Full PDB file with SEQRES, HELIX, SHEET, SSBOND, CRYST1, ORIGX, SCALE, CONECT and MASTER records, all heavy atoms in Angstrom:
SEQRES   1 A   39  LEU GLY LEU THR PRO GLY GLN GLU VAL CYS LEU VAL VAL          
SEQRES   2 A   39  ALA MET GLY TYR ALA ASP ASP VAL PRO PRO ALA SER ARG          
SEQRES   3 A   39  GLU ARG LEU SER LEU GLU GLU ILE CYS GLN PHE ASN PRO          
HELIX    1 AA1 LEU A   31  ILE A   34  1                                   4    
CRYST1    1.000    1.000    1.000  90.00  90.00  90.00 P 1           1          
ORIGX1      1.000000  0.000000  0.000000        0.00000                         
ORIGX2      0.000000  1.000000  0.000000        0.00000                         
ORIGX3      0.000000  0.000000  1.000000        0.00000                         
SCALE1      1.000000  0.000000  0.000000        0.00000                         
SCALE2      0.000000  1.000000  0.000000        0.00000                         
SCALE3      0.000000  0.000000  1.000000        0.00000                         
ATOM      1  N   LEU A   1     121.131  94.549 117.912  1.00  0.00           N  
ATOM      2  CA  LEU A   1     121.987  93.397 117.576  1.00  0.00           C  
ATOM      3  C   LEU A   1     123.422  93.778 117.317  1.00  0.00           C  
ATOM      4  O   LEU A   1     124.294  92.898 117.162  1.00  0.00           O  
ATOM      5  CB  LEU A   1     121.415  92.661 116.385  1.00  0.00           C  
ATOM      6  CG  LEU A   1     119.998  92.124 116.542  1.00  0.00           C  
ATOM      7  CD1 LEU A   1     119.467  91.589 115.195  1.00  0.00           C  
ATOM      8  CD2 LEU A   1     119.935  91.062 117.631  1.00  0.00           C  
ATOM      9  N   GLY A   2     123.721  95.066 117.263  1.00  0.00           N  
ATOM     10  CA  GLY A   2     125.105  95.550 117.023  1.00  0.00           C  
ATOM     11  C   GLY A   2     125.608  95.183 115.656  1.00  0.00           C  
ATOM     12  O   GLY A   2     126.788  94.798 115.525  1.00  0.00           O  
ATOM     13  N   LEU A   3     124.786  95.288 114.668  1.00  0.00           N  
ATOM     14  CA  LEU A   3     125.190  94.922 113.285  1.00  0.00           C  
ATOM     15  C   LEU A   3     126.140  95.921 112.688  1.00  0.00           C  
ATOM     16  O   LEU A   3     126.073  97.114 112.986  1.00  0.00           O  
ATOM     17  CB  LEU A   3     123.982  94.769 112.376  1.00  0.00           C  
ATOM     18  CG  LEU A   3     122.973  93.721 112.817  1.00  0.00           C  
ATOM     19  CD1 LEU A   3     121.852  93.569 111.764  1.00  0.00           C  
ATOM     20  CD2 LEU A   3     123.615  92.365 113.096  1.00  0.00           C  
ATOM     21  N   THR A   4     127.049  95.406 111.897  1.00  0.00           N  
ATOM     22  CA  THR A   4     128.009  96.262 111.223  1.00  0.00           C  
ATOM     23  C   THR A   4     127.466  96.732 109.862  1.00  0.00           C  
ATOM     24  O   THR A   4     126.569  96.086 109.326  1.00  0.00           O  
ATOM     25  CB  THR A   4     129.347  95.518 111.018  1.00  0.00           C  
ATOM     26  OG1 THR A   4     129.063  94.359 110.211  1.00  0.00           O  
ATOM     27  CG2 THR A   4     129.926  95.071 112.364  1.00  0.00           C  
ATOM     28  N   PRO A   5     128.074  97.800 109.298  1.00  0.00           N  
ATOM     29  CA  PRO A   5     127.647  98.185 107.947  1.00  0.00           C  
ATOM     30  C   PRO A   5     127.803  97.004 106.993  1.00  0.00           C  
ATOM     31  O   PRO A   5     128.787  96.279 107.042  1.00  0.00           O  
ATOM     32  CB  PRO A   5     128.575  99.322 107.596  1.00  0.00           C  
ATOM     33  CG  PRO A   5     128.996  99.890 108.915  1.00  0.00           C  
ATOM     34  CD  PRO A   5     129.077  98.694 109.864  1.00  0.00           C  
ATOM     35  N   GLY A   6     126.836  96.835 106.131  1.00  0.00           N  
ATOM     36  CA  GLY A   6     126.862  95.712 105.195  1.00  0.00           C  
ATOM     37  C   GLY A   6     126.033  94.538 105.670  1.00  0.00           C  
ATOM     38  O   GLY A   6     125.696  93.662 104.877  1.00  0.00           O  
ATOM     39  N   GLN A   7     125.674  94.521 106.943  1.00  0.00           N  
ATOM     40  CA  GLN A   7     124.812  93.460 107.465  1.00  0.00           C  
ATOM     41  C   GLN A   7     123.412  94.032 107.603  1.00  0.00           C  
ATOM     42  O   GLN A   7     123.250  95.156 108.049  1.00  0.00           O  
ATOM     43  CB  GLN A   7     125.278  92.979 108.849  1.00  0.00           C  
ATOM     44  CG  GLN A   7     126.594  92.263 108.829  1.00  0.00           C  
ATOM     45  CD  GLN A   7     126.979  91.787 110.209  1.00  0.00           C  
ATOM     46  OE1 GLN A   7     126.792  92.508 111.198  1.00  0.00           O  
ATOM     47  NE2 GLN A   7     127.529  90.621 110.290  1.00  0.00           N  
ATOM     48  N   GLU A   8     122.418  93.226 107.226  1.00  0.00           N  
ATOM     49  CA  GLU A   8     121.037  93.672 107.283  1.00  0.00           C  
ATOM     50  C   GLU A   8     120.134  92.506 107.659  1.00  0.00           C  
ATOM     51  O   GLU A   8     120.265  91.409 107.093  1.00  0.00           O  
ATOM     52  CB  GLU A   8     120.578  94.238 105.929  1.00  0.00           C  
ATOM     53  CG  GLU A   8     119.130  94.684 105.925  1.00  0.00           C  
ATOM     54  CD  GLU A   8     118.663  95.089 104.551  1.00  0.00           C  
ATOM     55  OE1 GLU A   8     119.460  95.128 103.579  1.00  0.00           O  
ATOM     56  OE2 GLU A   8     117.447  95.334 104.453  1.00  0.00           O  
ATOM     57  N   VAL A   9     119.217  92.734 108.590  1.00  0.00           N  
ATOM     58  CA  VAL A   9     118.246  91.719 108.931  1.00  0.00           C  
ATOM     59  C   VAL A   9     117.205  91.697 107.823  1.00  0.00           C  
ATOM     60  O   VAL A   9     116.546  92.705 107.582  1.00  0.00           O  
ATOM     61  CB  VAL A   9     117.555  91.968 110.283  1.00  0.00           C  
ATOM     62  CG1 VAL A   9     116.469  90.927 110.535  1.00  0.00           C  
ATOM     63  CG2 VAL A   9     118.562  91.973 111.431  1.00  0.00           C  
ATOM     64  N   CYS A  10     117.125  90.594 107.087  1.00  0.00           N  
ATOM     65  CA  CYS A  10     116.185  90.470 105.977  1.00  0.00           C  
ATOM     66  C   CYS A  10     114.933  89.689 106.370  1.00  0.00           C  
ATOM     67  O   CYS A  10     113.841  89.984 105.923  1.00  0.00           O  
ATOM     68  CB  CYS A  10     116.855  89.844 104.788  1.00  0.00           C  
ATOM     69  SG  CYS A  10     118.156  90.831 104.094  1.00  0.00           S  
ATOM     70  N   LEU A  11     115.134  88.638 107.166  1.00  0.00           N  
ATOM     71  CA  LEU A  11     114.064  87.757 107.588  1.00  0.00           C  
ATOM     72  C   LEU A  11     114.279  87.375 109.063  1.00  0.00           C  
ATOM     73  O   LEU A  11     115.417  87.397 109.546  1.00  0.00           O  
ATOM     74  CB  LEU A  11     114.032  86.480 106.737  1.00  0.00           C  
ATOM     75  CG  LEU A  11     113.772  86.625 105.243  1.00  0.00           C  
ATOM     76  CD1 LEU A  11     114.075  85.330 104.531  1.00  0.00           C  
ATOM     77  CD2 LEU A  11     112.343  87.055 105.006  1.00  0.00           C  
ATOM     78  N   VAL A  12     113.207  86.995 109.678  1.00  0.00           N  
ATOM     79  CA  VAL A  12     113.301  86.457 111.051  1.00  0.00           C  
ATOM     80  C   VAL A  12     112.509  85.184 111.049  1.00  0.00           C  
ATOM     81  O   VAL A  12     111.424  85.093 110.463  1.00  0.00           O  
ATOM     82  CB  VAL A  12     112.719  87.456 112.094  1.00  0.00           C  
ATOM     83  CG1 VAL A  12     112.732  86.844 113.471  1.00  0.00           C  
ATOM     84  CG2 VAL A  12     113.451  88.774 112.032  1.00  0.00           C  
ATOM     85  N   VAL A  13     113.047  84.134 111.697  1.00  0.00           N  
ATOM     86  CA  VAL A  13     112.347  82.852 111.785  1.00  0.00           C  
ATOM     87  C   VAL A  13     112.043  82.622 113.279  1.00  0.00           C  
ATOM     88  O   VAL A  13     112.958  82.568 114.117  1.00  0.00           O  
ATOM     89  CB  VAL A  13     113.201  81.682 111.252  1.00  0.00           C  
ATOM     90  CG1 VAL A  13     112.464  80.351 111.440  1.00  0.00           C  
ATOM     91  CG2 VAL A  13     113.550  81.914 109.797  1.00  0.00           C  
ATOM     92  N   ALA A  14     110.756  82.575 113.592  1.00  0.00           N  
ATOM     93  CA  ALA A  14     110.332  82.167 114.925  1.00  0.00           C  
ATOM     94  C   ALA A  14     110.372  80.651 114.990  1.00  0.00           C  
ATOM     95  O   ALA A  14     109.989  79.963 114.027  1.00  0.00           O  
ATOM     96  CB  ALA A  14     108.924  82.666 115.196  1.00  0.00           C  
ATOM     97  N   MET A  15     110.884  80.090 116.119  1.00  0.00           N  
ATOM     98  CA  MET A  15     111.057  78.635 116.213  1.00  0.00           C  
ATOM     99  C   MET A  15     110.646  78.164 117.595  1.00  0.00           C  
ATOM    100  O   MET A  15     110.954  78.810 118.590  1.00  0.00           O  
ATOM    101  CB  MET A  15     112.517  78.278 115.950  1.00  0.00           C  
ATOM    102  CG  MET A  15     112.824  76.793 116.080  1.00  0.00           C  
ATOM    103  SD  MET A  15     114.593  76.456 115.838  1.00  0.00           S  
ATOM    104  CE  MET A  15     114.708  76.414 114.055  1.00  0.00           C  
ATOM    105  N   GLY A  16     110.051  77.010 117.620  1.00  0.00           N  
ATOM    106  CA  GLY A  16     109.642  76.395 118.883  1.00  0.00           C  
ATOM    107  C   GLY A  16     108.745  75.202 118.633  1.00  0.00           C  
ATOM    108  O   GLY A  16     108.617  74.750 117.479  1.00  0.00           O  
ATOM    109  N   TYR A  17     108.123  74.734 119.682  1.00  0.00           N  
ATOM    110  CA  TYR A  17     107.164  73.629 119.581  1.00  0.00           C  
ATOM    111  C   TYR A  17     105.793  74.159 119.417  1.00  0.00           C  
ATOM    112  O   TYR A  17     105.344  75.036 120.191  1.00  0.00           O  
ATOM    113  CB  TYR A  17     107.291  72.736 120.791  1.00  0.00           C  
ATOM    114  CG  TYR A  17     108.652  72.073 120.886  1.00  0.00           C  
ATOM    115  CD1 TYR A  17     109.623  72.624 121.732  1.00  0.00           C  
ATOM    116  CD2 TYR A  17     108.972  70.943 120.115  1.00  0.00           C  
ATOM    117  CE1 TYR A  17     110.879  72.072 121.815  1.00  0.00           C  
ATOM    118  CE2 TYR A  17     110.220  70.376 120.229  1.00  0.00           C  
ATOM    119  CZ  TYR A  17     111.185  70.973 121.043  1.00  0.00           C  
ATOM    120  OH  TYR A  17     112.441  70.399 121.102  1.00  0.00           O  
ATOM    121  N   ALA A  18     105.072  73.697 118.405  1.00  0.00           N  
ATOM    122  CA  ALA A  18     103.734  74.205 118.128  1.00  0.00           C  
ATOM    123  C   ALA A  18     102.788  73.948 119.288  1.00  0.00           C  
ATOM    124  O   ALA A  18     102.801  72.881 119.911  1.00  0.00           O  
ATOM    125  CB  ALA A  18     103.161  73.554 116.842  1.00  0.00           C  
ATOM    126  N   ASP A  19     101.946  74.942 119.558  1.00  0.00           N  
ATOM    127  CA  ASP A  19     100.958  74.813 120.632  1.00  0.00           C  
ATOM    128  C   ASP A  19      99.556  74.928 120.054  1.00  0.00           C  
ATOM    129  O   ASP A  19      98.606  75.236 120.750  1.00  0.00           O  
ATOM    130  CB  ASP A  19     101.169  75.928 121.685  1.00  0.00           C  
ATOM    131  CG  ASP A  19     100.320  75.656 122.922  1.00  0.00           C  
ATOM    132  OD1 ASP A  19     100.061  74.496 123.241  1.00  0.00           O  
ATOM    133  OD2 ASP A  19      99.949  76.652 123.605  1.00  0.00           O  
ATOM    134  N   ASP A  20      99.428  74.704 118.763  1.00  0.00           N  
ATOM    135  CA  ASP A  20      98.115  74.752 118.170  1.00  0.00           C  
ATOM    136  C   ASP A  20      97.861  73.463 117.372  1.00  0.00           C  
ATOM    137  O   ASP A  20      98.765  72.702 117.104  1.00  0.00           O  
ATOM    138  CB  ASP A  20      97.965  75.986 117.263  1.00  0.00           C  
ATOM    139  CG  ASP A  20      99.057  76.071 116.180  1.00  0.00           C  
ATOM    140  OD1 ASP A  20      99.972  75.239 116.159  1.00  0.00           O  
ATOM    141  OD2 ASP A  20      98.924  76.957 115.311  1.00  0.00           O  
ATOM    142  N   VAL A  21      96.640  73.247 117.068  1.00  0.00           N  
ATOM    143  CA  VAL A  21      96.236  72.072 116.309  1.00  0.00           C  
ATOM    144  C   VAL A  21      96.437  72.366 114.820  1.00  0.00           C  
ATOM    145  O   VAL A  21      95.922  73.402 114.305  1.00  0.00           O  
ATOM    146  CB  VAL A  21      94.795  71.697 116.581  1.00  0.00           C  
ATOM    147  CG1 VAL A  21      94.351  70.507 115.765  1.00  0.00           C  
ATOM    148  CG2 VAL A  21      94.621  71.458 118.086  1.00  0.00           C  
ATOM    149  N   PRO A  22      97.177  71.556 114.092  1.00  0.00           N  
ATOM    150  CA  PRO A  22      97.352  71.811 112.684  1.00  0.00           C  
ATOM    151  C   PRO A  22      96.043  71.717 111.918  1.00  0.00           C  
ATOM    152  O   PRO A  22      95.183  70.923 112.295  1.00  0.00           O  
ATOM    153  CB  PRO A  22      98.366  70.728 112.224  1.00  0.00           C  
ATOM    154  CG  PRO A  22      98.297  69.654 113.231  1.00  0.00           C  
ATOM    155  CD  PRO A  22      97.848  70.328 114.527  1.00  0.00           C  
ATOM    156  N   PRO A  23      95.903  72.546 110.907  1.00  0.00           N  
ATOM    157  CA  PRO A  23      94.687  72.437 110.124  1.00  0.00           C  
ATOM    158  C   PRO A  23      94.608  71.096 109.430  1.00  0.00           C  
ATOM    159  O   PRO A  23      95.625  70.477 109.164  1.00  0.00           O  
ATOM    160  CB  PRO A  23      94.799  73.570 109.059  1.00  0.00           C  
ATOM    161  CG  PRO A  23      96.291  73.924 109.079  1.00  0.00           C  
ATOM    162  CD  PRO A  23      96.842  73.516 110.401  1.00  0.00           C  
ATOM    163  N   ALA A  24      93.387  70.656 109.168  1.00  0.00           N  
ATOM    164  CA  ALA A  24      93.175  69.357 108.521  1.00  0.00           C  
ATOM    165  C   ALA A  24      93.903  69.313 107.165  1.00  0.00           C  
ATOM    166  O   ALA A  24      94.457  68.293 106.795  1.00  0.00           O  
ATOM    167  CB  ALA A  24      91.681  69.062 108.356  1.00  0.00           C  
ATOM    168  N   SER A  25      93.809  70.385 106.415  1.00  0.00           N  
ATOM    169  CA  SER A  25      94.491  70.434 105.114  1.00  0.00           C  
ATOM    170  C   SER A  25      94.780  71.913 104.793  1.00  0.00           C  
ATOM    171  O   SER A  25      94.176  72.797 105.318  1.00  0.00           O  
ATOM    172  CB  SER A  25      93.644  69.802 104.022  1.00  0.00           C  
ATOM    173  OG  SER A  25      92.477  70.539 103.800  1.00  0.00           O  
ATOM    174  N   ARG A  26      95.721  72.076 103.882  1.00  0.00           N  
ATOM    175  CA  ARG A  26      96.022  73.407 103.373  1.00  0.00           C  
ATOM    176  C   ARG A  26      95.532  73.494 101.955  1.00  0.00           C  
ATOM    177  O   ARG A  26      95.750  72.604 101.151  1.00  0.00           O  
ATOM    178  CB  ARG A  26      97.509  73.679 103.441  1.00  0.00           C  
ATOM    179  CG  ARG A  26      98.053  73.706 104.846  1.00  0.00           C  
ATOM    180  CD  ARG A  26      99.493  74.028 104.850  1.00  0.00           C  
ATOM    181  NE  ARG A  26     100.272  72.978 104.200  1.00  0.00           N  
ATOM    182  CZ  ARG A  26     101.579  72.989 103.991  1.00  0.00           C  
ATOM    183  NH1 ARG A  26     102.282  74.017 104.345  1.00  0.00           N  
ATOM    184  NH2 ARG A  26     102.196  71.987 103.399  1.00  0.00           N  
ATOM    185  N   GLU A  27      94.943  74.625 101.635  1.00  0.00           N  
ATOM    186  CA  GLU A  27      94.501  74.820 100.262  1.00  0.00           C  
ATOM    187  C   GLU A  27      95.714  75.097  99.372  1.00  0.00           C  
ATOM    188  O   GLU A  27      96.499  75.969  99.635  1.00  0.00           O  
ATOM    189  CB  GLU A  27      93.546  75.987 100.210  1.00  0.00           C  
ATOM    190  CG  GLU A  27      92.283  75.793 101.012  1.00  0.00           C  
ATOM    191  CD  GLU A  27      91.050  75.761 100.150  1.00  0.00           C  
ATOM    192  OE1 GLU A  27      91.144  76.068  98.935  1.00  0.00           O  
ATOM    193  OE2 GLU A  27      89.985  75.396 100.695  1.00  0.00           O  
ATOM    194  N   ARG A  28      95.847  74.321  98.347  1.00  0.00           N  
ATOM    195  CA  ARG A  28      96.918  74.499  97.385  1.00  0.00           C  
ATOM    196  C   ARG A  28      96.335  74.289  95.974  1.00  0.00           C  
ATOM    197  O   ARG A  28      95.478  73.478  95.802  1.00  0.00           O  
ATOM    198  CB  ARG A  28      98.067  73.477  97.609  1.00  0.00           C  
ATOM    199  CG  ARG A  28      98.835  73.700  98.876  1.00  0.00           C  
ATOM    200  CD  ARG A  28      99.653  74.937  98.764  1.00  0.00           C  
ATOM    201  NE  ARG A  28     100.607  75.102  99.864  1.00  0.00           N  
ATOM    202  CZ  ARG A  28     100.430  75.951 100.843  1.00  0.00           C  
ATOM    203  NH1 ARG A  28      99.358  76.708 100.930  1.00  0.00           N  
ATOM    204  NH2 ARG A  28     101.353  76.090 101.789  1.00  0.00           N  
ATOM    205  N   LEU A  29      96.848  75.070  95.069  1.00  0.00           N  
ATOM    206  CA  LEU A  29      96.461  74.849  93.652  1.00  0.00           C  
ATOM    207  C   LEU A  29      96.930  73.478  93.234  1.00  0.00           C  
ATOM    208  O   LEU A  29      97.946  72.979  93.697  1.00  0.00           O  
ATOM    209  CB  LEU A  29      97.068  75.935  92.764  1.00  0.00           C  
ATOM    210  CG  LEU A  29      96.640  77.366  93.047  1.00  0.00           C  
ATOM    211  CD1 LEU A  29      97.429  78.351  92.196  1.00  0.00           C  
ATOM    212  CD2 LEU A  29      95.143  77.513  92.761  1.00  0.00           C  
ATOM    213  N   SER A  30      96.225  72.882  92.289  1.00  0.00           N  
ATOM    214  CA  SER A  30      96.608  71.583  91.780  1.00  0.00           C  
ATOM    215  C   SER A  30      97.838  71.737  90.898  1.00  0.00           C  
ATOM    216  O   SER A  30      98.138  72.812  90.398  1.00  0.00           O  
ATOM    217  CB  SER A  30      95.484  70.913  91.007  1.00  0.00           C  
ATOM    218  OG  SER A  30      95.295  71.610  89.784  1.00  0.00           O  
ATOM    219  N   LEU A  31      98.546  70.638  90.732  1.00  0.00           N  
ATOM    220  CA  LEU A  31      99.731  70.645  89.840  1.00  0.00           C  
ATOM    221  C   LEU A  31      99.332  71.075  88.427  1.00  0.00           C  
ATOM    222  O   LEU A  31     100.047  71.867  87.764  1.00  0.00           O  
ATOM    223  CB  LEU A  31     100.357  69.268  89.816  1.00  0.00           C  
ATOM    224  CG  LEU A  31     101.728  69.121  89.183  1.00  0.00           C  
ATOM    225  CD1 LEU A  31     102.726  70.109  89.778  1.00  0.00           C  
ATOM    226  CD2 LEU A  31     102.240  67.714  89.330  1.00  0.00           C  
ATOM    227  N   GLU A  32      98.170  70.635  87.957  1.00  0.00           N  
ATOM    228  CA  GLU A  32      97.712  71.028  86.631  1.00  0.00           C  
ATOM    229  C   GLU A  32      97.485  72.524  86.482  1.00  0.00           C  
ATOM    230  O   GLU A  32      97.620  73.107  85.421  1.00  0.00           O  
ATOM    231  CB  GLU A  32      96.408  70.292  86.248  1.00  0.00           C  
ATOM    232  CG  GLU A  32      96.580  68.790  86.064  1.00  0.00           C  
ATOM    233  CD  GLU A  32      96.686  68.026  87.396  1.00  0.00           C  
ATOM    234  OE1 GLU A  32      96.239  68.533  88.441  1.00  0.00           O  
ATOM    235  OE2 GLU A  32      97.273  66.933  87.405  1.00  0.00           O  
ATOM    236  N   GLU A  33      97.119  73.188  87.589  1.00  0.00           N  
ATOM    237  CA  GLU A  33      96.853  74.609  87.588  1.00  0.00           C  
ATOM    238  C   GLU A  33      98.136  75.460  87.559  1.00  0.00           C  
ATOM    239  O   GLU A  33      98.125  76.602  87.141  1.00  0.00           O  
ATOM    240  CB  GLU A  33      96.017  75.034  88.807  1.00  0.00           C  
ATOM    241  CG  GLU A  33      94.595  74.514  88.793  1.00  0.00           C  
ATOM    242  CD  GLU A  33      93.883  74.838  90.076  1.00  0.00           C  
ATOM    243  OE1 GLU A  33      94.220  74.225  91.122  1.00  0.00           O  
ATOM    244  OE2 GLU A  33      92.999  75.703  90.028  1.00  0.00           O  
ATOM    245  N   ILE A  34      99.223  74.883  88.001  1.00  0.00           N  
ATOM    246  CA  ILE A  34     100.452  75.681  88.099  1.00  0.00           C  
ATOM    247  C   ILE A  34     101.584  75.252  87.192  1.00  0.00           C  
ATOM    248  O   ILE A  34     102.603  75.926  87.114  1.00  0.00           O  
ATOM    249  CB  ILE A  34     100.989  75.686  89.551  1.00  0.00           C  
ATOM    250  CG1 ILE A  34     101.419  74.264  89.976  1.00  0.00           C  
ATOM    251  CG2 ILE A  34      99.995  76.260  90.521  1.00  0.00           C  
ATOM    252  CD1 ILE A  34     102.300  74.208  91.150  1.00  0.00           C  
ATOM    253  N   CYS A  35     101.420  74.147  86.472  1.00  0.00           N  
ATOM    254  CA  CYS A  35     102.527  73.606  85.671  1.00  0.00           C  
ATOM    255  C   CYS A  35     102.107  73.422  84.225  1.00  0.00           C  
ATOM    256  O   CYS A  35     101.011  72.925  83.910  1.00  0.00           O  
ATOM    257  CB  CYS A  35     102.963  72.270  86.271  1.00  0.00           C  
ATOM    258  SG  CYS A  35     104.293  71.477  85.313  1.00  0.00           S  
ATOM    259  N   GLN A  36     102.979  73.812  83.336  1.00  0.00           N  
ATOM    260  CA  GLN A  36     102.718  73.649  81.906  1.00  0.00           C  
ATOM    261  C   GLN A  36     104.108  73.287  81.292  1.00  0.00           C  
ATOM    262  O   GLN A  36     105.104  73.904  81.561  1.00  0.00           O  
ATOM    263  CB  GLN A  36     102.200  74.943  81.291  1.00  0.00           C  
ATOM    264  CG  GLN A  36     101.849  74.873  79.857  1.00  0.00           C  
ATOM    265  CD  GLN A  36     101.299  76.176  79.338  1.00  0.00           C  
ATOM    266  OE1 GLN A  36     101.398  77.223  80.020  1.00  0.00           O  
ATOM    267  NE2 GLN A  36     100.750  76.158  78.144  1.00  0.00           N  
ATOM    268  N   PHE A  37     104.123  72.289  80.432  1.00  0.00           N  
ATOM    269  CA  PHE A  37     105.320  71.916  79.726  1.00  0.00           C  
ATOM    270  C   PHE A  37     105.352  72.559  78.346  1.00  0.00           C  
ATOM    271  O   PHE A  37     104.371  72.536  77.636  1.00  0.00           O  
ATOM    272  CB  PHE A  37     105.385  70.412  79.581  1.00  0.00           C  
ATOM    273  CG  PHE A  37     105.802  69.680  80.848  1.00  0.00           C  
ATOM    274  CD1 PHE A  37     104.819  69.281  81.755  1.00  0.00           C  
ATOM    275  CD2 PHE A  37     107.110  69.418  81.121  1.00  0.00           C  
ATOM    276  CE1 PHE A  37     105.157  68.651  82.936  1.00  0.00           C  
ATOM    277  CE2 PHE A  37     107.484  68.750  82.288  1.00  0.00           C  
ATOM    278  CZ  PHE A  37     106.499  68.388  83.186  1.00  0.00           C  
ATOM    279  N   ASN A  38     106.500  73.072  77.970  1.00  0.00           N  
ATOM    280  CA  ASN A  38     106.746  73.582  76.613  1.00  0.00           C  
ATOM    281  C   ASN A  38     105.621  74.485  76.109  1.00  0.00           C  
ATOM    282  O   ASN A  38     105.002  74.205  75.048  1.00  0.00           O  
ATOM    283  CB  ASN A  38     106.967  72.446  75.649  1.00  0.00           C  
ATOM    284  CG  ASN A  38     108.066  71.521  76.118  1.00  0.00           C  
ATOM    285  OD1 ASN A  38     109.123  71.971  76.521  1.00  0.00           O  
ATOM    286  ND2 ASN A  38     107.801  70.204  76.102  1.00  0.00           N  
ATOM    287  N   PRO A  39     105.339  75.563  76.771  1.00  0.00           N  
ATOM    288  CA  PRO A  39     104.213  76.433  76.316  1.00  0.00           C  
ATOM    289  C   PRO A  39     104.494  76.969  74.913  1.00  0.00           C  
ATOM    290  O   PRO A  39     105.613  77.319  74.576  1.00  0.00           O  
ATOM    291  CB  PRO A  39     104.176  77.550  77.352  1.00  0.00           C  
ATOM    292  CG  PRO A  39     105.543  77.556  77.958  1.00  0.00           C  
ATOM    293  CD  PRO A  39     106.023  76.138  77.896  1.00  0.00           C  
TER     294      PRO A  39                                                      
MASTER        0    0    0    1    0    0    0    6  293    1    0    3          
END                                                                             
């Protein structure tokens, strides 16, 4: 890429149109499992 000192590739994002079927749902913790007010 011809990067100069001080520049660093930290992440790469692949982008395009999806060619797969999305999963019916994604497993996620419930809000109650991850959130607490004023512990």
